[in-house]
C-alpha atoms as a PDB file:
ATOM      1  CA  UNK A   1       0.007  -0.092  -0.056  1.00  0.00           C
ATOM      2  CA  UNK A   2       2.854   2.286   0.912  1.00  0.00           C
ATOM      3  CA  UNK A   3       4.646   1.583  -2.260  1.00  0.00           C
ATOM      4  CA  UNK A   4       1.648   2.395  -4.413  1.00  0.00           C
ATOM      5  CA  UNK A   5       1.180   5.713  -2.329  1.00  0.00           C
ATOM      6  CA  UNK A   6       4.522   6.738  -3.135  1.00  0.00           C
ATOM      7  CA  UNK A   7       3.726   6.140  -6.777  1.00  0.00           C
ATOM      8  CA  UNK A   8       0.282   7.946  -6.705  1.00  0.00           C
ATOM      9  CA  UNK A   9       1.049  10.859  -4.579  1.00  0.00           C
ATOM     10  CA  UNK A  10       4.029  12.567  -6.071  1.00  0.00           C
ATOM     11  CA  UNK A  11       6.475  14.172  -3.412  1.00  0.00           C
ATOM     12  CA  UNK A  12       5.000  11.986  -0.281  1.00  0.00           C
ATOM     13  CA  UNK A  13       7.702  10.922   2.132  1.00  0.00           C
ATOM     14  CA  UNK A  14       6.920   7.654   3.731  1.00  0.00           C
ATOM     15  CA  UNK A  15       8.613   5.422   6.230  1.00  0.00           C
ATOM     16  CA  UNK A  16       8.821   2.270   8.089  1.00  0.00           C
ATOM     17  CA  UNK A  17       9.708   1.763  11.860  1.00  0.00           C
ATOM     18  CA  UNK A  18       9.970  -1.385  13.823  1.00  0.00           C
ATOM     19  CA  UNK A  19      11.388  -2.192  17.193  1.00  0.00           C
ATOM     20  CA  UNK A  20      15.002  -2.271  15.922  1.00  0.00           C
ATOM     21  CA  UNK A  21      16.229  -0.636  12.727  1.00  0.00           C
ATOM     22  CA  UNK A  22      17.582  -3.970  11.445  1.00  0.00           C
ATOM     23  CA  UNK A  23      14.064  -5.233  11.747  1.00  0.00           C
ATOM     24  CA  UNK A  24      12.489  -2.388   9.784  1.00  0.00           C
ATOM     25  CA  UNK A  25      15.147  -2.627   7.077  1.00  0.00           C
ATOM     26  CA  UNK A  26      14.707  -6.481   6.733  1.00  0.00           C
ATOM     27  CA  UNK A  27      10.666  -6.093   6.522  1.00  0.00           C
ATOM     28  CA  UNK A  28      10.831  -3.564   4.074  1.00  0.00           C
ATOM     29  CA  UNK A  29      13.613  -4.869   1.789  1.00  0.00           C
ATOM     30  CA  UNK A  30      11.647  -8.415   1.783  1.00  0.00           C
ATOM     31  CA  UNK A  31       8.332  -6.732   0.827  1.00  0.00           C
ATOM     32  CA  UNK A  32      10.056  -4.442  -1.786  1.00  0.00           C
ATOM     33  CA  UNK A  33      11.836  -7.446  -3.515  1.00  0.00           C
ATOM     34  CA  UNK A  34       8.325  -9.257  -3.361  1.00  0.00           C
ATOM     35  CA  UNK A  35       6.583  -6.465  -5.115  1.00  0.00           C
ATOM     36  CA  UNK A  36       9.485  -6.390  -7.701  1.00  0.00           C
ATOM     37  CA  UNK A  37       9.145 -10.010  -8.329  1.00  0.00           C
ATOM     38  CA  UNK A  38       5.439 -10.048  -8.776  1.00  0.00           C
ATOM     39  CA  UNK A  39       5.252  -6.856 -10.542  1.00  0.00           C
ATOM     40  CA  UNK A  40       8.403  -6.040 -12.327  1.00  0.00           C
ATOM     41  CA  UNK A  41       6.943  -3.146 -14.126  1.00  0.00           C
ATOM     42  CA  UNK A  42       6.714  -1.289 -10.607  1.00  0.00           C
ATOM     43  CA  UNK A  43      10.647  -1.317 -10.363  1.00  0.00           C
ATOM     44  CA  UNK A  44      10.621   1.152 -13.224  1.00  0.00           C
ATOM     45  CA  UNK A  45       8.940   3.935 -10.917  1.00  0.00           C
ATOM     46  CA  UNK A  46      12.171   3.838  -8.737  1.00  0.00           C
ATOM     47  CA  UNK A  47      14.970   6.256  -9.613  1.00  0.00           C
ATOM     48  CA  UNK A  48      17.287   5.212  -6.827  1.00  0.00           C
ATOM     49  CA  UNK A  49      17.242   2.719  -3.969  1.00  0.00           C
ATOM     50  CA  UNK A  50      19.657   1.578  -1.168  1.00  0.00           C
ATOM     51  CA  UNK A  51      19.262  -1.615   0.923  1.00  0.00           C
ATOM     52  CA  UNK A  52      21.363  -2.016   3.806  1.00  0.00           C
ATOM     53  CA  UNK A  53      21.677  -4.279   7.056  1.00  0.00           C
ATOM     54  CA  UNK A  54      19.765  -1.418   8.972  1.00  0.00           C
ATOM     55  CA  UNK A  55      18.600   0.884   6.437  1.00  0.00           C
ATOM     56  CA  UNK A  56      16.343   1.007   3.393  1.00  0.00           C
ATOM     57  CA  UNK A  57      15.782   4.227   1.176  1.00  0.00           C
ATOM     58  CA  UNK A  58      13.719   4.176  -2.137  1.00  0.00           C
ATOM     59  CA  UNK A  59      13.280   7.277  -4.140  1.00  0.00           C
ATOM     60  CA  UNK A  60      10.757   7.282  -6.818  1.00  0.00           C
ATOM     61  CA  UNK A  61      10.779   9.065 -10.135  1.00  0.00           C
ATOM     62  CA  UNK A  62       8.112  11.545  -9.106  1.00  0.00           C
ATOM     63  CA  UNK A  63      10.150  12.761  -5.920  1.00  0.00           C
ATOM     64  CA  UNK A  64       8.463  10.451  -3.467  1.00  0.00           C
ATOM     65  CA  UNK A  65      10.642   8.817  -0.737  1.00  0.00           C
ATOM     66  CA  UNK A  66      10.449   5.764   1.501  1.00  0.00           C
ATOM     67  CA  UNK A  67      13.038   4.817   4.273  1.00  0.00           C
ATOM     68  CA  UNK A  68      13.421   3.458   7.586  1.00  0.00           C
ATOM     69  CA  UNK A  69      13.281   5.704  10.840  1.00  0.00           C
ATOM     70  CA  UNK A  70      13.957   4.655  14.220  1.00  0.00           C
ATOM     71  CA  UNK A  71      11.801   5.353  17.593  1.00  0.00           C
ATOM     72  CA  UNK A  72      14.944   7.294  18.972  1.00  0.00           C
ATOM     73  CA  UNK A  73      15.734  10.982  19.978  1.00  0.00           C
ATOM     74  CA  UNK A  74      17.971  11.087  16.889  1.00  0.00           C
ATOM     75  CA  UNK A  75      15.013  11.160  14.520  1.00  0.00           C
ATOM     76  CA  UNK A  76      13.511  14.405  16.280  1.00  0.00           C
ATOM     77  CA  UNK A  77      12.837  17.225  13.840  1.00  0.00           C
ATOM     78  CA  UNK A  78      12.481  15.025  10.812  1.00  0.00           C
ATOM     79  CA  UNK A  79       9.377  15.114   8.602  1.00  0.00           C
ATOM     80  CA  UNK A  80       7.233  12.495   6.879  1.00  0.00           C
ATOM     81  CA  UNK A  81       3.933  12.187   5.397  1.00  0.00           C
ATOM     82  CA  UNK A  82       2.949   8.880   7.027  1.00  0.00           C
ATOM     83  CA  UNK A  83       4.235   5.359   7.563  1.00  0.00           C
ATOM     84  CA  UNK A  84       4.089   1.830   8.807  1.00  0.00           C
ATOM     85  CA  UNK A  85       4.571   0.971  12.446  1.00  0.00           C
ATOM     86  CA  UNK A  86       5.586  -2.516  12.529  1.00  0.00           C
ATOM     87  CA  UNK A  87       5.431  -5.096  15.514  1.00  0.00           C
ATOM     88  CA  UNK A  88       4.196  -2.624  18.251  1.00  0.00           C
ATOM     89  CA  UNK A  89       3.469  -5.665  20.400  1.00  0.00           C
ATOM     90  CA  UNK A  90       7.234  -6.008  20.782  1.00  0.00           C
ATOM     91  CA  UNK A  91       8.230  -4.627  24.178  1.00  0.00           C
ATOM     92  CA  UNK A  92      11.425  -2.986  22.629  1.00  0.00           C
ATOM     93  CA  UNK A  93       9.058  -0.288  20.872  1.00  0.00           C
ATOM     94  CA  UNK A  94       8.592   2.194  23.498  1.00  0.00           C
ATOM     95  CA  UNK A  95       5.092   3.700  23.180  1.00  0.00           C
ATOM     96  CA  UNK A  96       6.189   7.041  24.666  1.00  0.00           C
ATOM     97  CA  UNK A  97       8.975   7.286  22.213  1.00  0.00           C
ATOM     98  CA  UNK A  98       6.573   6.528  19.483  1.00  0.00           C
ATOM     99  CA  UNK A  99       4.193   9.375  20.643  1.00  0.00           C
ATOM    100  CA  UNK A 100       7.000  11.845  21.340  1.00  0.00           C
ATOM    101  CA  UNK A 101       9.341  11.221  18.340  1.00  0.00           C
ATOM    102  CA  UNK A 102       7.846   9.095  15.604  1.00  0.00           C
ATOM    103  CA  UNK A 103       4.141  10.507  15.351  1.00  0.00           C
ATOM    104  CA  UNK A 104       5.471  14.075  15.284  1.00  0.00           C
ATOM    105  CA  UNK A 105       7.446  13.197  12.119  1.00  0.00           C
ATOM    106  CA  UNK A 106       3.957  13.544  10.268  1.00  0.00           C
ATOM    107  CA  UNK A 107       3.304  17.110  11.555  1.00  0.00           C
ATOM    108  CA  UNK A 108       3.165  18.374   7.917  1.00  0.00           C
ATOM    109  CA  UNK A 109       0.549  17.638   5.218  1.00  0.00           C
ATOM    110  CA  UNK A 110       1.958  16.838   1.649  1.00  0.00           C
ATOM    111  CA  UNK A 111       1.917  19.531  -0.638  1.00  0.00           C
ATOM    112  CA  UNK A 112      -0.139  18.329  -3.790  1.00  0.00           C
ATOM    113  CA  UNK A 113       0.776  19.147  -7.432  1.00  0.00           C
ATOM    114  CA  UNK A 114      -1.370  22.203  -7.242  1.00  0.00           C
ATOM    115  CA  UNK A 115       0.777  23.718  -4.660  1.00  0.00           C
ATOM    116  CA  UNK A 116      -1.583  23.345  -1.970  1.00  0.00           C
ATOM    117  CA  UNK A 117      -2.981  20.673   0.321  1.00  0.00           C
ATOM    118  CA  UNK A 118      -5.524  18.229  -1.128  1.00  0.00           C
ATOM    119  CA  UNK A 119      -8.606  18.238   1.078  1.00  0.00           C
ATOM    120  CA  UNK A 120      -9.639  14.965  -0.265  1.00  0.00           C
ATOM    121  CA  UNK A 121      -6.412  13.269   0.665  1.00  0.00           C
ATOM    122  CA  UNK A 122      -6.013  11.320   3.833  1.00  0.00           C
ATOM    123  CA  UNK A 123      -2.982  12.960   5.452  1.00  0.00           C
ATOM    124  CA  UNK A 124      -0.548  11.733   8.301  1.00  0.00           C
ATOM    125  CA  UNK A 125      -1.461   7.813   7.722  1.00  0.00           C
ATOM    126  CA  UNK A 126      -0.330   5.341  10.455  1.00  0.00           C
ATOM    127  CA  UNK A 127      -0.380   1.773   9.431  1.00  0.00           C
ATOM    128  CA  UNK A 128      -0.077  -0.616  12.182  1.00  0.00           C
ATOM    129  CA  UNK A 129       0.906  -4.121  11.541  1.00  0.00           C
ATOM    130  CA  UNK A 130       1.492  -6.517  14.392  1.00  0.00           C
ATOM    131  CA  UNK A 131       0.789  -9.780  15.972  1.00  0.00           C
ATOM    132  CA  UNK A 132      -1.955  -9.603  18.752  1.00  0.00           C
ATOM    133  CA  UNK A 133      -1.097  -8.461  22.188  1.00  0.00           C
ATOM    134  CA  UNK A 134      -2.308  -8.833  25.556  1.00  0.00           C
ATOM    135  CA  UNK A 135      -4.575  -6.335  27.335  1.00  0.00           C
ATOM    136  CA  UNK A 136      -1.752  -5.046  29.205  1.00  0.00           C
ATOM    137  CA  UNK A 137       0.413  -4.069  26.124  1.00  0.00           C
ATOM    138  CA  UNK A 138       0.778  -0.727  24.585  1.00  0.00           C
ATOM    139  CA  UNK A 139      -0.111  -2.386  21.293  1.00  0.00           C
ATOM    140  CA  UNK A 140      -3.611  -3.496  22.545  1.00  0.00           C
ATOM    141  CA  UNK A 141      -4.335   0.010  23.900  1.00  0.00           C
ATOM    142  CA  UNK A 142      -3.402   1.541  20.511  1.00  0.00           C
ATOM    143  CA  UNK A 143      -5.548  -1.071  18.796  1.00  0.00           C
ATOM    144  CA  UNK A 144      -8.494   0.022  20.995  1.00  0.00           C
ATOM    145  CA  UNK A 145      -7.847   3.762  20.170  1.00  0.00           C
ATOM    146  CA  UNK A 146      -7.861   2.969  16.587  1.00  0.00           C
ATOM    147  CA  UNK A 147     -10.994   0.677  16.944  1.00  0.00           C
ATOM    148  CA  UNK A 148     -12.989   3.549  18.783  1.00  0.00           C
ATOM    149  CA  UNK A 149     -12.049   6.066  16.016  1.00  0.00           C
ATOM    150  CA  UNK A 150     -13.249   3.671  13.381  1.00  0.00           C
ATOM    151  CA  UNK A 151     -16.577   2.938  15.248  1.00  0.00           C
ATOM    152  CA  UNK A 152     -17.218   6.848  15.482  1.00  0.00           C
ATOM    153  CA  UNK A 153     -16.768   7.095  11.775  1.00  0.00           C
ATOM    154  CA  UNK A 154     -13.039   8.419  11.630  1.00  0.00           C
ATOM    155  CA  UNK A 155     -10.630   7.531   9.051  1.00  0.00           C
ATOM    156  CA  UNK A 156      -9.269   4.719  10.905  1.00  0.00           C
ATOM    157  CA  UNK A 157      -9.702   1.031   9.953  1.00  0.00           C
ATOM    158  CA  UNK A 158      -8.943  -1.936  12.027  1.00  0.00           C
ATOM    159  CA  UNK A 159      -8.700  -5.571  10.581  1.00  0.00           C
ATOM    160  CA  UNK A 160      -7.476  -8.993  12.126  1.00  0.00           C
ATOM    161  CA  UNK A 161      -7.253 -12.262  10.340  1.00  0.00           C
ATOM    162  CA  UNK A 162      -6.576 -15.839  11.591  1.00  0.00           C
ATOM    163  CA  UNK A 163      -4.162 -18.538   9.829  1.00  0.00           C
ATOM    164  CA  UNK A 164      -7.164 -19.556   7.527  1.00  0.00           C
ATOM    165  CA  UNK A 165      -6.649 -16.480   5.331  1.00  0.00           C
ATOM    166  CA  UNK A 166      -3.113 -16.717   4.196  1.00  0.00           C
ATOM    167  CA  UNK A 167      -3.610 -20.546   4.008  1.00  0.00           C
ATOM    168  CA  UNK A 168      -6.627 -19.901   1.637  1.00  0.00           C
ATOM    169  CA  UNK A 169      -4.187 -17.907  -0.591  1.00  0.00           C
ATOM    170  CA  UNK A 170      -1.239 -20.189  -0.319  1.00  0.00           C
ATOM    171  CA  UNK A 171       0.771 -17.838   1.897  1.00  0.00           C
ATOM    172  CA  UNK A 172       0.963 -20.021   4.803  1.00  0.00           C
ATOM    173  CA  UNK A 173       1.327 -24.046   4.978  1.00  0.00           C
ATOM    174  CA  UNK A 174      -1.805 -25.504   6.654  1.00  0.00           C
ATOM    175  CA  UNK A 175       0.070 -28.499   7.540  1.00  0.00           C
ATOM    176  CA  UNK A 176       2.721 -26.532   9.540  1.00  0.00           C
ATOM    177  CA  UNK A 177       0.054 -24.701  11.258  1.00  0.00           C
ATOM    178  CA  UNK A 178      -1.722 -27.630  12.350  1.00  0.00           C
ATOM    179  CA  UNK A 179       1.898 -29.252  13.477  1.00  0.00           C
ATOM    180  CA  UNK A 180       2.288 -26.200  15.723  1.00  0.00           C
ATOM    181  CA  UNK A 181      -1.099 -26.223  17.201  1.00  0.00           C
ATOM    182  CA  UNK A 182      -0.759 -29.874  18.063  1.00  0.00           C
ATOM    183  CA  UNK A 183       2.842 -29.384  19.374  1.00  0.00           C
ATOM    184  CA  UNK A 184       2.760 -30.239  23.217  1.00  0.00           C
ATOM    185  CA  UNK A 185       5.673 -27.639  23.643  1.00  0.00           C
ATOM    186  CA  UNK A 186       3.891 -24.688  21.937  1.00  0.00           C
ATOM    187  CA  UNK A 187       2.184 -22.533  24.504  1.00  0.00           C
ATOM    188  CA  UNK A 188      -1.742 -22.330  23.326  1.00  0.00           C
ATOM    189  CA  UNK A 189      -1.841 -18.545  24.280  1.00  0.00           C
ATOM    190  CA  UNK A 190       1.129 -17.890  22.072  1.00  0.00           C
ATOM    191  CA  UNK A 191      -0.425 -19.720  19.318  1.00  0.00           C
ATOM    192  CA  UNK A 192      -3.729 -18.036  19.511  1.00  0.00           C
ATOM    193  CA  UNK A 193      -1.960 -14.503  19.490  1.00  0.00           C
ATOM    194  CA  UNK A 194       0.388 -15.469  16.625  1.00  0.00           C
ATOM    195  CA  UNK A 195      -2.102 -17.589  14.363  1.00  0.00           C
ATOM    196  CA  UNK A 196      -5.724 -16.869  15.496  1.00  0.00           C
END
């Protein structure tokens, strides 16, 4: 979704953040390479890219950019128009740092080609992608906040899926999942959070 936004919205700056920069770089690199594998024509939209162990940067022909940011004080003052927050269920991703450093990166709205702000565009988009957490986690509280905004008719959207959906589309091996579920050493609560 973010890759396509970078194509469709000239000059947009998007990011990915995860508990570690290495994790964010790995997630983004794997997904970008999958996009290029399935839709090679979309690689033509890129004028420059750099993949490193702890960094990803993609610059599109229309001036849009996508990169990795870190939930650390060193990111203060940067500007982006939206991004993906990965694995917020991980305790290494500090919720206070997310709100004091990462979310403020999106303080500015994108200037459209008309040299103004497009009132029909959803600005400052936050995409949260994570495994389910327990009620005591920041991830659960954030999910609840997003769910309430969705119920009130805001621009938020929350969706969850069990292992059946990726199995139906051959993205996950059903035999592997069943084997995990039936394993006496796999904690049932962990299985429910990860697969159900």
